[in-house]
Amino acid sequence: MGSESKSLILQQRVTQNDSTNLHCREITLRLSADCRELVLSRYTEHYGPALVRWMERSHTVSVSDLFRWLVANGERGVIRSEA
């Protein structure tokens, strides 16, 4: 499938609806080469008697923007030592 090395595979699925068609799907998460962006990729392949099609879509976000959003909007948890 379309996964790249050092990617975290979030989902990988192969389905066969009938004896002639096969559908493969993979969703991965990885850092860009410069480690400044997080890239979510969705890759699909479809095999049939008369065709082979594939498509990859990627969504990119700045790691620093993601962390800012997470701190501003994420659920806060506090863990303290028992001293």
N, C-alpha and C. Protein backbone atom coordinates (compact mmCIF):
# COMPACT_ATOMS: atom_id res chain seq x y z
N MET A 1 0.83 -1.18 0.00
CA MET A 1 0.00 0.00 0.00
C MET A 1 0.88 1.24 0.00
N GLY A 2 0.28 2.40 0.16
CA GLY A 2 1.00 3.65 0.01
C GLY A 2 1.70 4.15 1.24
N SER A 3 1.88 3.34 2.24
CA SER A 3 2.50 3.83 3.45
C SER A 3 3.97 4.14 3.22
N GLU A 4 4.42 5.18 3.88
CA GLU A 4 5.82 5.56 3.79
C GLU A 4 6.54 5.04 5.02
N SER A 5 7.85 4.92 4.93
CA SER A 5 8.61 4.45 6.08
C SER A 5 8.48 5.46 7.20
N LYS A 6 8.55 4.98 8.42
CA LYS A 6 8.46 5.79 9.63
C LYS A 6 7.10 6.48 9.78
N SER A 7 6.08 5.90 9.23
CA SER A 7 4.71 6.39 9.41
C SER A 7 4.02 5.53 10.44
N LEU A 8 3.13 6.13 11.19
CA LEU A 8 2.29 5.40 12.12
C LEU A 8 1.03 5.00 11.36
N ILE A 9 0.78 3.71 11.23
CA ILE A 9 -0.41 3.24 10.52
C ILE A 9 -1.58 3.28 11.49
N LEU A 10 -2.54 4.15 11.21
CA LEU A 10 -3.72 4.29 12.06
C LEU A 10 -4.81 3.30 11.68
N GLN A 11 -4.92 3.01 10.39
CA GLN A 11 -5.92 2.05 9.93
C GLN A 11 -5.42 1.42 8.63
N GLN A 12 -5.62 0.13 8.53
CA GLN A 12 -5.28 -0.58 7.29
C GLN A 12 -6.38 -1.61 7.08
N ARG A 13 -7.06 -1.50 5.95
CA ARG A 13 -8.22 -2.37 5.72
C ARG A 13 -8.24 -2.86 4.29
N VAL A 14 -8.55 -4.12 4.11
CA VAL A 14 -8.74 -4.72 2.79
C VAL A 14 -10.11 -5.37 2.79
N THR A 15 -10.95 -5.00 1.83
CA THR A 15 -12.28 -5.58 1.72
C THR A 15 -12.49 -6.12 0.32
N GLN A 16 -13.24 -7.20 0.26
CA GLN A 16 -13.59 -7.81 -1.02
C GLN A 16 -15.10 -8.00 -1.02
N ASN A 17 -15.80 -7.14 -1.75
CA ASN A 17 -17.26 -7.19 -1.78
C ASN A 17 -17.79 -8.35 -2.61
N ASP A 18 -17.03 -8.74 -3.61
CA ASP A 18 -17.39 -9.90 -4.43
C ASP A 18 -16.09 -10.53 -4.92
N SER A 19 -16.18 -11.53 -5.74
CA SER A 19 -14.98 -12.26 -6.16
C SER A 19 -14.12 -11.50 -7.17
N THR A 20 -14.61 -10.38 -7.69
CA THR A 20 -13.86 -9.67 -8.73
C THR A 20 -13.33 -8.30 -8.31
N ASN A 21 -13.76 -7.77 -7.18
CA ASN A 21 -13.35 -6.43 -6.75
C ASN A 21 -12.66 -6.48 -5.40
N LEU A 22 -11.58 -5.73 -5.29
CA LEU A 22 -10.81 -5.64 -4.05
C LEU A 22 -10.56 -4.17 -3.75
N HIS A 23 -10.79 -3.77 -2.50
CA HIS A 23 -10.60 -2.38 -2.08
C HIS A 23 -9.64 -2.35 -0.90
N CYS A 24 -8.55 -1.59 -1.03
CA CYS A 24 -7.55 -1.46 0.04
C CYS A 24 -7.52 -0.01 0.50
N ARG A 25 -7.42 0.18 1.83
CA ARG A 25 -7.39 1.53 2.38
C ARG A 25 -6.38 1.58 3.52
N GLU A 26 -5.63 2.68 3.56
CA GLU A 26 -4.64 2.86 4.62
C GLU A 26 -4.63 4.32 5.04
N ILE A 27 -4.63 4.55 6.35
CA ILE A 27 -4.53 5.90 6.90
C ILE A 27 -3.27 5.94 7.76
N THR A 28 -2.40 6.91 7.48
CA THR A 28 -1.13 7.01 8.19
C THR A 28 -0.92 8.42 8.73
N LEU A 29 -0.06 8.50 9.73
CA LEU A 29 0.32 9.77 10.34
C LEU A 29 1.84 9.80 10.41
N ARG A 30 2.44 10.91 9.97
CA ARG A 30 3.90 11.01 9.98
C ARG A 30 4.33 12.46 10.13
N LEU A 31 5.58 12.64 10.49
CA LEU A 31 6.18 13.97 10.51
C LEU A 31 6.79 14.26 9.15
N SER A 32 6.78 15.51 8.75
CA SER A 32 7.44 15.90 7.50
C SER A 32 8.95 15.73 7.67
N ALA A 33 9.68 15.81 6.59
CA ALA A 33 11.14 15.61 6.62
C ALA A 33 11.84 16.59 7.56
N ASP A 34 11.34 17.82 7.65
CA ASP A 34 11.96 18.81 8.54
C ASP A 34 11.35 18.80 9.95
N CYS A 35 10.42 17.89 10.21
CA CYS A 35 9.76 17.70 11.52
C CYS A 35 8.95 18.91 11.96
N ARG A 36 8.56 19.75 11.05
CA ARG A 36 7.77 20.94 11.40
C ARG A 36 6.28 20.75 11.16
N GLU A 37 5.92 19.72 10.40
CA GLU A 37 4.52 19.50 10.08
C GLU A 37 4.12 18.05 10.34
N LEU A 38 2.87 17.89 10.72
CA LEU A 38 2.29 16.57 10.88
C LEU A 38 1.43 16.31 9.65
N VAL A 39 1.59 15.14 9.05
CA VAL A 39 0.91 14.82 7.79
C VAL A 39 0.03 13.59 7.99
N LEU A 40 -1.26 13.77 7.75
CA LEU A 40 -2.23 12.68 7.78
C LEU A 40 -2.51 12.31 6.33
N SER A 41 -2.27 11.05 5.96
CA SER A 41 -2.47 10.61 4.57
C SER A 41 -3.50 9.50 4.52
N ARG A 42 -4.35 9.57 3.50
CA ARG A 42 -5.34 8.53 3.23
C ARG A 42 -5.06 7.98 1.84
N TYR A 43 -4.80 6.70 1.77
CA TYR A 43 -4.44 6.06 0.51
C TYR A 43 -5.44 4.95 0.23
N THR A 44 -5.98 4.92 -0.99
CA THR A 44 -6.91 3.86 -1.37
C THR A 44 -6.50 3.26 -2.70
N GLU A 45 -6.75 1.97 -2.83
CA GLU A 45 -6.56 1.25 -4.09
C GLU A 45 -7.82 0.46 -4.36
N HIS A 46 -8.21 0.39 -5.64
CA HIS A 46 -9.36 -0.40 -6.04
C HIS A 46 -8.95 -1.25 -7.22
N TYR A 47 -9.12 -2.55 -7.07
CA TYR A 47 -8.80 -3.49 -8.15
C TYR A 47 -10.10 -4.12 -8.64
N GLY A 48 -10.29 -4.10 -9.93
CA GLY A 48 -11.45 -4.73 -10.55
C GLY A 48 -11.04 -5.41 -11.84
N PRO A 49 -11.96 -6.08 -12.49
CA PRO A 49 -11.64 -6.81 -13.71
C PRO A 49 -11.06 -5.93 -14.82
N ALA A 50 -11.52 -4.70 -14.91
CA ALA A 50 -11.08 -3.85 -16.03
C ALA A 50 -10.29 -2.63 -15.57
N LEU A 51 -9.99 -2.53 -14.27
CA LEU A 51 -9.33 -1.32 -13.82
C LEU A 51 -8.52 -1.54 -12.55
N VAL A 52 -7.54 -0.68 -12.39
CA VAL A 52 -6.80 -0.54 -11.13
C VAL A 52 -6.70 0.96 -10.89
N ARG A 53 -7.26 1.42 -9.79
CA ARG A 53 -7.21 2.84 -9.47
C ARG A 53 -6.61 3.02 -8.08
N TRP A 54 -5.90 4.12 -7.90
CA TRP A 54 -5.41 4.46 -6.58
C TRP A 54 -5.48 5.98 -6.40
N MET A 55 -5.55 6.41 -5.16
CA MET A 55 -5.60 7.83 -4.85
C MET A 55 -5.01 8.04 -3.46
N GLU A 56 -4.26 9.12 -3.31
CA GLU A 56 -3.73 9.48 -1.99
C GLU A 56 -4.08 10.94 -1.73
N ARG A 57 -4.63 11.18 -0.54
CA ARG A 57 -4.94 12.54 -0.10
C ARG A 57 -4.17 12.79 1.18
N SER A 58 -3.60 13.98 1.29
CA SER A 58 -2.83 14.32 2.48
C SER A 58 -3.35 15.62 3.08
N HIS A 59 -3.33 15.68 4.40
CA HIS A 59 -3.71 16.86 5.15
C HIS A 59 -2.54 17.20 6.06
N THR A 60 -2.11 18.46 6.04
CA THR A 60 -0.90 18.87 6.75
C THR A 60 -1.24 19.98 7.74
N VAL A 61 -0.61 19.92 8.93
CA VAL A 61 -0.76 20.98 9.92
C VAL A 61 0.60 21.21 10.58
N SER A 62 0.87 22.45 10.90
CA SER A 62 2.10 22.81 11.60
C SER A 62 2.08 22.18 13.00
N VAL A 63 3.19 21.58 13.40
CA VAL A 63 3.27 20.95 14.73
C VAL A 63 3.08 22.01 15.81
N SER A 64 3.69 23.18 15.66
CA SER A 64 3.54 24.23 16.67
C SER A 64 2.09 24.71 16.75
N ASP A 65 1.41 24.85 15.61
CA ASP A 65 -0.01 25.23 15.63
C ASP A 65 -0.87 24.16 16.29
N LEU A 66 -0.54 22.90 16.03
CA LEU A 66 -1.28 21.80 16.64
C LEU A 66 -1.12 21.81 18.16
N PHE A 67 0.10 22.02 18.65
CA PHE A 67 0.32 22.07 20.10
C PHE A 67 -0.37 23.27 20.74
N ARG A 68 -0.35 24.42 20.07
CA ARG A 68 -1.06 25.60 20.59
C ARG A 68 -2.56 25.31 20.70
N TRP A 69 -3.12 24.68 19.66
CA TRP A 69 -4.54 24.35 19.68
C TRP A 69 -4.85 23.35 20.79
N LEU A 70 -3.98 22.36 20.96
CA LEU A 70 -4.18 21.34 21.97
C LEU A 70 -4.18 21.94 23.37
N VAL A 71 -3.24 22.83 23.65
CA VAL A 71 -3.17 23.48 24.97
C VAL A 71 -4.40 24.36 25.19
N ALA A 72 -4.83 25.08 24.16
CA ALA A 72 -5.98 25.98 24.29
C ALA A 72 -7.31 25.24 24.38
N ASN A 73 -7.44 24.10 23.71
CA ASN A 73 -8.74 23.43 23.59
C ASN A 73 -8.82 22.04 24.19
N GLY A 74 -7.70 21.46 24.54
CA GLY A 74 -7.71 20.10 25.05
C GLY A 74 -8.19 20.02 26.49
N GLU A 75 -8.58 18.84 26.88
CA GLU A 75 -9.01 18.60 28.26
C GLU A 75 -7.77 18.55 29.15
N ARG A 76 -7.80 19.35 30.21
CA ARG A 76 -6.63 19.44 31.07
C ARG A 76 -6.69 18.38 32.16
N GLY A 77 -5.57 17.74 32.37
CA GLY A 77 -5.43 16.78 33.46
C GLY A 77 -4.22 17.16 34.29
N VAL A 78 -4.32 16.97 35.59
CA VAL A 78 -3.22 17.30 36.49
C VAL A 78 -2.84 16.06 37.27
N ILE A 79 -1.55 15.75 37.29
CA ILE A 79 -1.03 14.64 38.08
C ILE A 79 -0.01 15.22 39.04
N ARG A 80 -0.15 14.88 40.33
CA ARG A 80 0.76 15.42 41.34
C ARG A 80 1.38 14.28 42.13
N SER A 81 2.56 14.55 42.63
CA SER A 81 3.21 13.55 43.48
C SER A 81 2.57 13.57 44.86
N GLU A 82 2.64 12.48 45.54
CA GLU A 82 2.10 12.35 46.90
C GLU A 82 3.23 12.62 47.87
N ALA A 83 3.54 13.87 48.14
CA ALA A 83 4.66 14.19 49.03
C ALA A 83 4.18 14.67 50.38
